[in-house]
């Protein structure tokens, strides 16, 4: 039996998408040198957006797999290596901004 859950980072899409759109607009109004620098920044932000736009957790009979975006960044953990599972209750600000801290309220 396999469980799969994907969470999309809508805040990241909106924020980085807005920054990329603004920089593209600014590059269209600047000189050649400014456009090259801004294009490099736009390229870097676009790569970040693609790599971290979503998080997928897959649990099957053998392992737990975590994937970011299209799956280039991933981590697989065999179920046999998991010793303990604990549910944490995070503060509202930690959940809203994706911050996972070891000092979470239990």
Protein backbone atom coordinates (compact mmCIF):
# COMPACT_ATOMS: atom_id res chain seq x y z
CA UNK A 1 0.00 0.00 0.00
CA UNK A 2 1.36 3.42 -0.96
CA UNK A 3 0.48 6.81 0.51
CA UNK A 4 1.37 9.94 -1.47
CA UNK A 5 0.81 13.56 -0.44
CA UNK A 6 1.92 16.66 -2.34
CA UNK A 7 1.91 20.14 -0.81
CA UNK A 8 2.27 23.07 -3.19
CA UNK A 9 4.11 26.19 -2.02
CA UNK A 10 1.60 28.80 -3.13
CA UNK A 11 3.31 31.56 -1.13
CA UNK A 12 6.59 30.82 -2.92
CA UNK A 13 4.86 30.86 -6.31
CA UNK A 14 3.24 34.23 -5.60
CA UNK A 15 6.30 35.87 -4.01
CA UNK A 16 8.99 34.60 -6.39
CA UNK A 17 6.66 34.95 -9.37
CA UNK A 18 6.06 38.58 -8.43
CA UNK A 19 9.77 39.26 -7.97
CA UNK A 20 10.58 37.60 -11.31
CA UNK A 21 7.87 39.63 -13.08
CA UNK A 22 9.12 42.87 -11.50
CA UNK A 23 12.73 42.13 -12.44
CA UNK A 24 11.69 41.28 -16.01
CA UNK A 25 9.87 44.61 -16.21
CA UNK A 26 12.92 46.42 -14.74
CA UNK A 27 15.25 44.67 -17.21
CA UNK A 28 13.14 45.85 -20.12
CA UNK A 29 13.65 49.45 -18.96
CA UNK A 30 17.39 49.30 -18.21
CA UNK A 31 20.51 49.33 -20.33
CA UNK A 32 22.31 46.29 -21.70
CA UNK A 33 24.57 45.70 -18.65
CA UNK A 34 21.67 45.95 -16.24
CA UNK A 35 19.65 43.55 -18.35
CA UNK A 36 22.39 40.91 -18.26
CA UNK A 37 22.69 41.07 -14.46
CA UNK A 38 18.92 41.07 -13.98
CA UNK A 39 18.54 38.17 -16.43
CA UNK A 40 21.04 36.15 -14.39
CA UNK A 41 19.09 36.87 -11.19
CA UNK A 42 15.81 35.98 -12.94
CA UNK A 43 17.36 32.70 -14.09
CA UNK A 44 18.53 31.84 -10.57
CA UNK A 45 15.14 32.68 -9.04
CA UNK A 46 13.36 30.64 -11.72
CA UNK A 47 15.54 27.61 -10.94
CA UNK A 48 14.77 28.03 -7.22
CA UNK A 49 11.06 28.28 -7.97
CA UNK A 50 11.10 25.10 -10.05
CA UNK A 51 13.17 23.13 -7.53
CA UNK A 52 11.18 24.12 -4.43
CA UNK A 53 7.63 24.72 -5.73
CA UNK A 54 6.23 21.63 -4.01
CA UNK A 55 7.01 18.91 -1.50
CA UNK A 56 5.86 15.32 -1.98
CA UNK A 57 5.93 12.62 0.68
CA UNK A 58 5.59 9.01 -0.46
CA UNK A 59 5.29 6.16 2.04
CA UNK A 60 5.24 2.58 0.80
CA UNK A 61 5.96 -0.83 2.31
CA UNK A 62 9.73 -0.32 2.14
CA UNK A 63 10.57 3.37 2.62
CA UNK A 64 9.61 6.99 3.15
CA UNK A 65 10.58 9.29 0.30
CA UNK A 66 10.61 13.09 0.37
CA UNK A 67 10.80 15.01 -2.92
CA UNK A 68 11.13 18.71 -3.56
CA UNK A 69 9.64 20.07 -6.78
CA UNK A 70 10.14 17.72 -9.75
CA UNK A 71 12.18 15.29 -7.63
CA UNK A 72 15.75 16.31 -8.40
CA UNK A 73 16.20 16.95 -4.66
CA UNK A 74 15.00 13.89 -2.76
CA UNK A 75 15.66 11.78 0.29
CA UNK A 76 14.76 8.13 0.81
CA UNK A 77 14.70 6.53 4.25
CA UNK A 78 14.09 2.80 4.64
CA UNK A 79 11.29 2.02 7.12
CA UNK A 80 13.67 -0.32 8.94
CA UNK A 81 15.89 2.69 9.80
CA UNK A 82 13.06 4.62 11.48
CA UNK A 83 13.17 4.01 15.24
CA UNK A 84 10.53 6.45 16.48
CA UNK A 85 7.78 8.66 15.11
CA UNK A 86 6.47 11.63 17.05
CA UNK A 87 3.73 14.11 16.23
CA UNK A 88 4.68 17.73 16.84
CA UNK A 89 2.39 20.69 17.28
CA UNK A 90 4.00 23.72 15.69
CA UNK A 91 3.24 27.37 16.37
CA UNK A 92 1.05 29.09 13.75
CA UNK A 93 3.97 31.17 12.48
CA UNK A 94 6.17 28.10 12.05
CA UNK A 95 3.53 26.37 9.93
CA UNK A 96 2.66 29.47 7.91
CA UNK A 97 6.25 30.15 6.89
CA UNK A 98 7.46 26.57 6.57
CA UNK A 99 9.87 26.86 9.47
CA UNK A 100 10.52 23.55 11.18
CA UNK A 101 12.42 24.09 14.41
CA UNK A 102 13.66 21.59 16.96
CA UNK A 103 12.13 23.76 19.70
CA UNK A 104 8.57 23.12 18.47
CA UNK A 105 5.82 22.86 21.05
CA UNK A 106 5.03 19.25 21.78
